[in-house]
Amino acid sequence: GAPDFDNVFVTRRAYRAFLETGTWPDKTMLALEVRSSA
């Protein structure tokens, strides 16, 4: 009924590497945080 929120975060080193190369380096972590909504 009430949709969930998905919030996505990525490690700082991986983010900087992506800006330079357009892809993710080894040891990248992306976090998907799921929260209920009201």
All heavy atoms as atom14 arrays in JSON, in Angstrom:
{
  "sequence": "GAPDFDNVFVTRRAYRAFLETGTWPDKTMLALEVRSSA",
  "atom14_mask": [
    [1, 1, 1, 1, 0, 0, 0, 0, 0, 0, 0, 0, 0, 0],
    [1, 1, 1, 1, 1, 0, 0, 0, 0, 0, 0, 0, 0, 0],
    [1, 1, 1, 1, 1, 1, 1, 0, 0, 0, 0, 0, 0, 0],
    [1, 1, 1, 1, 1, 1, 1, 1, 0, 0, 0, 0, 0, 0],
    [1, 1, 1, 1, 1, 1, 1, 1, 1, 1, 1, 0, 0, 0],
    [1, 1, 1, 1, 1, 1, 1, 1, 0, 0, 0, 0, 0, 0],
    [1, 1, 1, 1, 1, 1, 1, 1, 0, 0, 0, 0, 0, 0],
    [1, 1, 1, 1, 1, 1, 1, 0, 0, 0, 0, 0, 0, 0],
    [1, 1, 1, 1, 1, 1, 1, 1, 1, 1, 1, 0, 0, 0],
    [1, 1, 1, 1, 1, 1, 1, 0, 0, 0, 0, 0, 0, 0],
    [1, 1, 1, 1, 1, 1, 1, 0, 0, 0, 0, 0, 0, 0],
    [1, 1, 1, 1, 1, 1, 1, 1, 1, 1, 1, 0, 0, 0],
    [1, 1, 1, 1, 1, 1, 1, 1, 1, 1, 1, 0, 0, 0],
    [1, 1, 1, 1, 1, 0, 0, 0, 0, 0, 0, 0, 0, 0],
    [1, 1, 1, 1, 1, 1, 1, 1, 1, 1, 1, 1, 0, 0],
    [1, 1, 1, 1, 1, 1, 1, 1, 1, 1, 1, 0, 0, 0],
    [1, 1, 1, 1, 1, 0, 0, 0, 0, 0, 0, 0, 0, 0],
    [1, 1, 1, 1, 1, 1, 1, 1, 1, 1, 1, 0, 0, 0],
    [1, 1, 1, 1, 1, 1, 1, 1, 0, 0, 0, 0, 0, 0],
    [1, 1, 1, 1, 1, 1, 1, 1, 1, 0, 0, 0, 0, 0],
    [1, 1, 1, 1, 1, 1, 1, 0, 0, 0, 0, 0, 0, 0],
    [1, 1, 1, 1, 0, 0, 0, 0, 0, 0, 0, 0, 0, 0],
    [1, 1, 1, 1, 1, 1, 1, 0, 0, 0, 0, 0, 0, 0],
    [1, 1, 1, 1, 1, 1, 1, 1, 1, 1, 1, 1, 1, 1],
    [1, 1, 1, 1, 1, 1, 1, 0, 0, 0, 0, 0, 0, 0],
    [1, 1, 1, 1, 1, 1, 1, 1, 0, 0, 0, 0, 0, 0],
    [1, 1, 1, 1, 1, 1, 1, 1, 1, 0, 0, 0, 0, 0],
    [1, 1, 1, 1, 1, 1, 1, 0, 0, 0, 0, 0, 0, 0],
    [1, 1, 1, 1, 1, 1, 1, 1, 0, 0, 0, 0, 0, 0],
    [1, 1, 1, 1, 1, 1, 1, 1, 0, 0, 0, 0, 0, 0],
    [1, 1, 1, 1, 1, 0, 0, 0, 0, 0, 0, 0, 0, 0],
    [1, 1, 1, 1, 1, 1, 1, 1, 0, 0, 0, 0, 0, 0],
    [1, 1, 1, 1, 1, 1, 1, 1, 1, 0, 0, 0, 0, 0],
    [1, 1, 1, 1, 1, 1, 1, 0, 0, 0, 0, 0, 0, 0],
    [1, 1, 1, 1, 1, 1, 1, 1, 1, 1, 1, 0, 0, 0],
    [1, 1, 1, 1, 1, 1, 0, 0, 0, 0, 0, 0, 0, 0],
    [1, 1, 1, 1, 1, 1, 0, 0, 0, 0, 0, 0, 0, 0],
    [1, 1, 1, 1, 1, 0, 0, 0, 0, 0, 0, 0, 0, 0]
  ],
  "atom14_positions": [
    [[0.82, -1.2, 0.0], [0.0, 0.0, 0.0], [0.86, 1.25, 0.0], [0.88, 2.0, -0.96], [0.0, 0.0, 0.0], [0.0, 0.0, 0.0], [0.0, 0.0, 0.0], [0.0, 0.0, 0.0], [0.0, 0.0, 0.0], [0.0, 0.0, 0.0], [0.0, 0.0, 0.0], [0.0, 0.0, 0.0], [0.0, 0.0, 0.0], [0.0, 0.0, 0.0]],
    [[1.59, 1.49, 1.08], [2.5, 2.64, 1.15], [3.84, 2.25, 0.54], [4.47, 1.29, 0.98], [2.68, 3.08, 2.59], [0.0, 0.0, 0.0], [0.0, 0.0, 0.0], [0.0, 0.0, 0.0], [0.0, 0.0, 0.0], [0.0, 0.0, 0.0], [0.0, 0.0, 0.0], [0.0, 0.0, 0.0], [0.0, 0.0, 0.0], [0.0, 0.0, 0.0]],
    [[4.32, 2.96, -0.48], [5.56, 2.59, -1.15], [6.79, 2.86, -0.28], [6.78, 3.76, 0.56], [5.58, 3.48, -2.39], [4.79, 4.69, -1.99], [3.71, 4.16, -1.08], [0.0, 0.0, 0.0], [0.0, 0.0, 0.0], [0.0, 0.0, 0.0], [0.0, 0.0, 0.0], [0.0, 0.0, 0.0], [0.0, 0.0, 0.0], [0.0, 0.0, 0.0]],
    [[7.81, 2.05, -0.48], [9.07, 2.25, 0.25], [9.97, 3.25, -0.48], [9.88, 3.42, -1.69], [9.85, 0.92, 0.36], [9.26, -0.01, 1.4], [8.56, 0.47, 2.31], [9.51, -1.22, 1.31], [0.0, 0.0, 0.0], [0.0, 0.0, 0.0], [0.0, 0.0, 0.0], [0.0, 0.0, 0.0], [0.0, 0.0, 0.0], [0.0, 0.0, 0.0]],
    [[10.85, 3.87, 0.3], [11.91, 4.7, -0.26], [13.18, 3.86, -0.36], [13.51, 3.11, 0.56], [12.21, 5.91, 0.64], [11.28, 7.07, 0.45], [10.18, 7.24, 1.26], [11.53, 8.02, -0.55], [9.32, 8.32, 1.09], [10.68, 9.1, -0.72], [9.57, 9.26, 0.1], [0.0, 0.0, 0.0], [0.0, 0.0, 0.0], [0.0, 0.0, 0.0]],
    [[13.89, 3.98, -1.47], [15.22, 3.39, -1.64], [16.23, 4.53, -1.72], [16.16, 5.35, -2.63], [15.31, 2.57, -2.93], [14.39, 1.36, -2.92], [14.02, 0.92, -1.82], [14.03, 0.88, -4.01], [0.0, 0.0, 0.0], [0.0, 0.0, 0.0], [0.0, 0.0, 0.0], [0.0, 0.0, 0.0], [0.0, 0.0, 0.0], [0.0, 0.0, 0.0]],
    [[17.17, 4.57, -0.78], [18.23, 5.59, -0.8], [19.55, 4.91, -1.13], [19.89, 3.9, -0.52], [18.33, 6.27, 0.57], [17.02, 6.91, 0.99], [16.37, 7.61, 0.21], [16.59, 6.66, 2.22], [0.0, 0.0, 0.0], [0.0, 0.0, 0.0], [0.0, 0.0, 0.0], [0.0, 0.0, 0.0], [0.0, 0.0, 0.0], [0.0, 0.0, 0.0]],
    [[20.28, 5.47, -2.07], [21.51, 4.84, -2.54], [22.72, 5.73, -2.22], [22.71, 6.93, -2.52], [21.46, 4.56, -4.05], [22.73, 3.83, -4.51], [20.23, 3.73, -4.39], [0.0, 0.0, 0.0], [0.0, 0.0, 0.0], [0.0, 0.0, 0.0], [0.0, 0.0, 0.0], [0.0, 0.0, 0.0], [0.0, 0.0, 0.0], [0.0, 0.0, 0.0]],
    [[23.76, 5.1, -1.64], [25.0, 5.77, -1.3], [26.17, 4.96, -1.87], [26.07, 3.75, -2.03], [25.17, 5.89, 0.22], [24.0, 6.53, 0.93], [22.88, 5.78, 1.29], [24.02, 7.88, 1.24], [21.8, 6.36, 1.94], [22.94, 8.47, 1.9], [21.83, 7.71, 2.26], [0.0, 0.0, 0.0], [0.0, 0.0, 0.0], [0.0, 0.0, 0.0]],
    [[27.29, 5.62, -2.14], [28.48, 4.93, -2.62], [29.71, 5.48, -1.9], [29.73, 6.64, -1.49], [28.64, 5.09, -4.16], [28.96, 6.54, -4.53], [29.7, 4.14, -4.7], [0.0, 0.0, 0.0], [0.0, 0.0, 0.0], [0.0, 0.0, 0.0], [0.0, 0.0, 0.0], [0.0, 0.0, 0.0], [0.0, 0.0, 0.0], [0.0, 0.0, 0.0]],
    [[30.72, 4.64, -1.72], [31.92, 5.08, -1.02], [32.58, 6.24, -1.76], [32.51, 6.35, -2.98], [32.92, 3.91, -0.89], [33.12, 3.32, -2.18], [32.39, 2.85, 0.06], [0.0, 0.0, 0.0], [0.0, 0.0, 0.0], [0.0, 0.0, 0.0], [0.0, 0.0, 0.0], [0.0, 0.0, 0.0], [0.0, 0.0, 0.0], [0.0, 0.0, 0.0]],
    [[33.24, 7.08, -1.01], [33.83, 8.3, -1.57], [34.91, 8.0, -2.61], [34.96, 8.64, -3.67], [34.41, 9.17, -0.45], [33.35, 9.73, 0.47], [33.93, 10.52, 1.63], [32.88, 11.07, 2.46], [32.27, 12.23, 2.22], [32.62, 12.95, 1.16], [31.31, 12.67, 3.03], [0.0, 0.0, 0.0], [0.0, 0.0, 0.0], [0.0, 0.0, 0.0]],
    [[35.75, 7.03, -2.32], [36.82, 6.71, -3.26], [36.25, 6.21, -4.58], [36.71, 6.59, -5.66], [37.75, 5.64, -2.67], [38.96, 5.31, -3.54], [39.79, 4.19, -2.93], [39.12, 2.9, -3.0], [39.21, 2.08, -4.07], [39.92, 2.43, -5.11], [38.56, 0.92, -4.06], [0.0, 0.0, 0.0], [0.0, 0.0, 0.0], [0.0, 0.0, 0.0]],
    [[35.22, 5.37, -4.51], [34.58, 4.85, -5.72], [33.92, 5.96, -6.51], [33.98, 5.99, -7.74], [33.57, 3.77, -5.35], [0.0, 0.0, 0.0], [0.0, 0.0, 0.0], [0.0, 0.0, 0.0], [0.0, 0.0, 0.0], [0.0, 0.0, 0.0], [0.0, 0.0, 0.0], [0.0, 0.0, 0.0], [0.0, 0.0, 0.0], [0.0, 0.0, 0.0]],
    [[33.29, 6.89, -5.81], [32.62, 8.01, -6.48], [33.63, 8.87, -7.24], [33.41, 9.22, -8.41], [31.89, 8.85, -5.43], [31.19, 10.07, -5.99], [29.97, 9.95, -6.66], [31.74, 11.34, -5.84], [29.32, 11.06, -7.16], [31.09, 12.45, -6.34], [29.89, 12.32, -7.01], [29.25, 13.43, -7.51], [0.0, 0.0, 0.0], [0.0, 0.0, 0.0]],
    [[34.74, 9.17, -6.61], [35.76, 9.99, -7.28], [36.31, 9.27, -8.5], [36.55, 9.88, -9.55], [36.89, 10.34, -6.29], [36.48, 11.35, -5.23], [37.69, 11.89, -4.48], [38.3, 10.87, -3.66], [38.02, 10.64, -2.39], [37.11, 11.38, -1.78], [38.64, 9.69, -1.7], [0.0, 0.0, 0.0], [0.0, 0.0, 0.0], [0.0, 0.0, 0.0]],
    [[36.51, 7.95, -8.37], [37.02, 7.17, -9.5], [36.01, 7.16, -10.65], [36.39, 7.23, -11.82], [37.35, 5.74, -9.06], [0.0, 0.0, 0.0], [0.0, 0.0, 0.0], [0.0, 0.0, 0.0], [0.0, 0.0, 0.0], [0.0, 0.0, 0.0], [0.0, 0.0, 0.0], [0.0, 0.0, 0.0], [0.0, 0.0, 0.0], [0.0, 0.0, 0.0]],
    [[34.72, 7.07, -10.3], [33.69, 7.06, -11.34], [33.68, 8.39, -12.11], [33.52, 8.4, -13.34], [32.31, 6.81, -10.72], [31.25, 6.52, -11.75], [30.91, 5.21, -12.05], [30.59, 7.54, -12.43], [29.94, 4.92, -13.0], [29.63, 7.28, -13.38], [29.3, 5.96, -13.68], [0.0, 0.0, 0.0], [0.0, 0.0, 0.0], [0.0, 0.0, 0.0]],
    [[33.84, 9.47, -11.42], [33.87, 10.77, -12.09], [35.01, 10.86, -13.08], [34.91, 11.53, -14.12], [33.98, 11.91, -11.06], [32.8, 12.07, -10.1], [33.04, 13.27, -9.19], [31.48, 12.22, -10.85], [0.0, 0.0, 0.0], [0.0, 0.0, 0.0], [0.0, 0.0, 0.0], [0.0, 0.0, 0.0], [0.0, 0.0, 0.0], [0.0, 0.0, 0.0]],
    [[36.11, 10.17, -12.81], [37.28, 10.22, -13.69], [37.2, 9.21, -14.83], [37.7, 9.47, -15.93], [38.55, 9.94, -12.88], [38.88, 11.02, -11.85], [40.12, 10.69, -11.04], [40.75, 9.65, -11.31], [40.45, 11.49, -10.15], [0.0, 0.0, 0.0], [0.0, 0.0, 0.0], [0.0, 0.0, 0.0], [0.0, 0.0, 0.0], [0.0, 0.0, 0.0]],
    [[36.58, 8.05, -14.59], [36.63, 6.97, -15.57], [35.27, 6.55, -16.13], [35.21, 5.9, -17.17], [37.28, 5.72, -14.95], [36.43, 5.21, -13.9], [38.64, 6.05, -14.37], [0.0, 0.0, 0.0], [0.0, 0.0, 0.0], [0.0, 0.0, 0.0], [0.0, 0.0, 0.0], [0.0, 0.0, 0.0], [0.0, 0.0, 0.0], [0.0, 0.0, 0.0]],
    [[34.19, 6.88, -15.43], [32.88, 6.43, -15.86], [32.56, 5.01, -15.49], [31.57, 4.43, -15.97], [0.0, 0.0, 0.0], [0.0, 0.0, 0.0], [0.0, 0.0, 0.0], [0.0, 0.0, 0.0], [0.0, 0.0, 0.0], [0.0, 0.0, 0.0], [0.0, 0.0, 0.0], [0.0, 0.0, 0.0], [0.0, 0.0, 0.0], [0.0, 0.0, 0.0]],
    [[33.36, 4.41, -14.62], [33.09, 3.06, -14.14], [33.57, 2.92, -12.7], [34.17, 3.84, -12.14], [33.74, 1.99, -15.05], [33.23, 0.7, -14.71], [35.25, 2.03, -14.94], [0.0, 0.0, 0.0], [0.0, 0.0, 0.0], [0.0, 0.0, 0.0], [0.0, 0.0, 0.0], [0.0, 0.0, 0.0], [0.0, 0.0, 0.0], [0.0, 0.0, 0.0]],
    [[33.31, 1.74, -12.12], [33.58, 1.55, -10.69], [34.88, 0.78, -10.49], [35.09, -0.26, -11.11], [32.44, 0.79, -10.03], [31.1, 1.43, -10.18], [30.05, 0.99, -10.92], [30.67, 2.66, -9.57], [28.98, 1.85, -10.8], [29.33, 2.88, -9.99], [31.28, 3.59, -8.71], [28.59, 3.99, -9.57], [30.55, 4.69, -8.31], [29.23, 4.88, -8.73]],
    [[35.72, 1.21, -9.56], [36.96, 0.49, -9.26], [36.72, -0.72, -8.37], [35.63, -0.86, -7.78], [37.8, 1.54, -8.52], [36.77, 2.35, -7.79], [35.59, 2.44, -8.74], [0.0, 0.0, 0.0], [0.0, 0.0, 0.0], [0.0, 0.0, 0.0], [0.0, 0.0, 0.0], [0.0, 0.0, 0.0], [0.0, 0.0, 0.0], [0.0, 0.0, 0.0]],
    [[37.7, -1.58, -8.28], [37.62, -2.7, -7.35], [37.47, -2.18, -5.93], [37.98, -1.12, -5.59], [38.9, -3.55, -7.47], [38.75, -4.91, -6.81], [37.63, -5.44, -6.79], [39.77, -5.44, -6.32], [0.0, 0.0, 0.0], [0.0, 0.0, 0.0], [0.0, 0.0, 0.0], [0.0, 0.0, 0.0], [0.0, 0.0, 0.0], [0.0, 0.0, 0.0]],
    [[36.74, -2.91, -5.11], [36.43, -2.58, -3.7], [35.31, -1.55, -3.56], [35.05, -1.05, -2.46], [37.66, -2.09, -2.93], [38.88, -2.97, -3.04], [38.64, -4.39, -2.61], [39.92, -5.22, -2.69], [39.68, -6.65, -2.41], [0.0, 0.0, 0.0], [0.0, 0.0, 0.0], [0.0, 0.0, 0.0], [0.0, 0.0, 0.0], [0.0, 0.0, 0.0]],
    [[34.63, -1.24, -4.65], [33.47, -0.35, -4.57], [32.38, -0.97, -3.71], [32.13, -2.17, -3.78], [32.9, -0.07, -5.98], [33.81, 0.75, -6.71], [31.55, 0.63, -5.92], [0.0, 0.0, 0.0], [0.0, 0.0, 0.0], [0.0, 0.0, 0.0], [0.0, 0.0, 0.0], [0.0, 0.0, 0.0], [0.0, 0.0, 0.0], [0.0, 0.0, 0.0]],
    [[31.7, -0.15, -2.93], [30.49, -0.57, -2.23], [29.39, 0.46, -2.47], [29.62, 1.66, -2.3], [30.74, -0.7, -0.72], [31.53, -1.92, -0.31], [31.5, -2.2, 1.5], [32.47, -0.78, 2.07], [0.0, 0.0, 0.0], [0.0, 0.0, 0.0], [0.0, 0.0, 0.0], [0.0, 0.0, 0.0], [0.0, 0.0, 0.0], [0.0, 0.0, 0.0]],
    [[28.23, -0.02, -2.87], [27.03, 0.8, -2.96], [26.04, 0.3, -1.92], [25.84, -0.91, -1.77], [26.4, 0.71, -4.35], [27.21, 1.34, -5.48], [27.81, 0.25, -6.35], [26.36, 2.28, -6.31], [0.0, 0.0, 0.0], [0.0, 0.0, 0.0], [0.0, 0.0, 0.0], [0.0, 0.0, 0.0], [0.0, 0.0, 0.0], [0.0, 0.0, 0.0]],
    [[25.46, 1.21, -1.18], [24.5, 0.86, -0.14], [23.1, 1.22, -0.6], [22.85, 2.34, -1.07], [24.82, 1.59, 1.16], [0.0, 0.0, 0.0], [0.0, 0.0, 0.0], [0.0, 0.0, 0.0], [0.0, 0.0, 0.0], [0.0, 0.0, 0.0], [0.0, 0.0, 0.0], [0.0, 0.0, 0.0], [0.0, 0.0, 0.0], [0.0, 0.0, 0.0]],
    [[22.18, 0.28, -0.49], [20.77, 0.52, -0.75], [20.04, 0.46, 0.58], [19.9, -0.61, 1.18], [20.21, -0.53, -1.7], [18.7, -0.45, -1.97], [18.36, 0.82, -2.76], [18.21, -1.68, -2.72], [0.0, 0.0, 0.0], [0.0, 0.0, 0.0], [0.0, 0.0, 0.0], [0.0, 0.0, 0.0], [0.0, 0.0, 0.0], [0.0, 0.0, 0.0]],
    [[19.61, 1.61, 1.07], [18.88, 1.71, 2.33], [17.4, 1.8, 2.02], [16.97, 2.68, 1.27], [19.34, 2.95, 3.09], [18.6, 3.18, 4.4], [18.82, 4.57, 4.94], [18.34, 5.54, 4.3], [19.48, 4.71, 5.98], [0.0, 0.0, 0.0], [0.0, 0.0, 0.0], [0.0, 0.0, 0.0], [0.0, 0.0, 0.0], [0.0, 0.0, 0.0]],
    [[16.62, 0.89, 2.58], [15.18, 0.86, 2.34], [14.46, 1.4, 3.58], [14.7, 0.93, 4.7], [14.69, -0.56, 2.02], [13.2, -0.55, 1.7], [15.48, -1.15, 0.85], [0.0, 0.0, 0.0], [0.0, 0.0, 0.0], [0.0, 0.0, 0.0], [0.0, 0.0, 0.0], [0.0, 0.0, 0.0], [0.0, 0.0, 0.0], [0.0, 0.0, 0.0]],
    [[13.59, 2.36, 3.37], [12.82, 2.96, 4.46], [11.34, 2.98, 4.11], [10.97, 3.19, 2.95], [13.31, 4.38, 4.78], [14.65, 4.4, 5.48], [15.08, 5.81, 5.87], [16.33, 5.77, 6.62], [16.41, 5.64, 7.95], [15.3, 5.56, 8.66], [17.57, 5.6, 8.55], [0.0, 0.0, 0.0], [0.0, 0.0, 0.0], [0.0, 0.0, 0.0]],
    [[10.52, 2.8, 5.11], [9.07, 2.88, 4.9], [8.67, 4.34, 4.7], [9.43, 5.26, 5.02], [8.33, 2.29, 6.1], [8.65, 3.0, 7.28], [0.0, 0.0, 0.0], [0.0, 0.0, 0.0], [0.0, 0.0, 0.0], [0.0, 0.0, 0.0], [0.0, 0.0, 0.0], [0.0, 0.0, 0.0], [0.0, 0.0, 0.0], [0.0, 0.0, 0.0]],
    [[7.49, 4.53, 4.16], [7.03, 5.9, 3.91], [5.7, 6.16, 4.62], [4.97, 5.23, 4.96], [6.86, 6.14, 2.41], [5.74, 5.42, 1.9], [0.0, 0.0, 0.0], [0.0, 0.0, 0.0], [0.0, 0.0, 0.0], [0.0, 0.0, 0.0], [0.0, 0.0, 0.0], [0.0, 0.0, 0.0], [0.0, 0.0, 0.0], [0.0, 0.0, 0.0]],
    [[5.4, 7.41, 4.8], [4.12, 7.84, 5.35], [3.68, 9.07, 4.57], [4.5, 9.76, 3.94], [4.25, 8.17, 6.83], [0.0, 0.0, 0.0], [0.0, 0.0, 0.0], [0.0, 0.0, 0.0], [0.0, 0.0, 0.0], [0.0, 0.0, 0.0], [0.0, 0.0, 0.0], [0.0, 0.0, 0.0], [0.0, 0.0, 0.0], [0.0, 0.0, 0.0]]
  ]
}
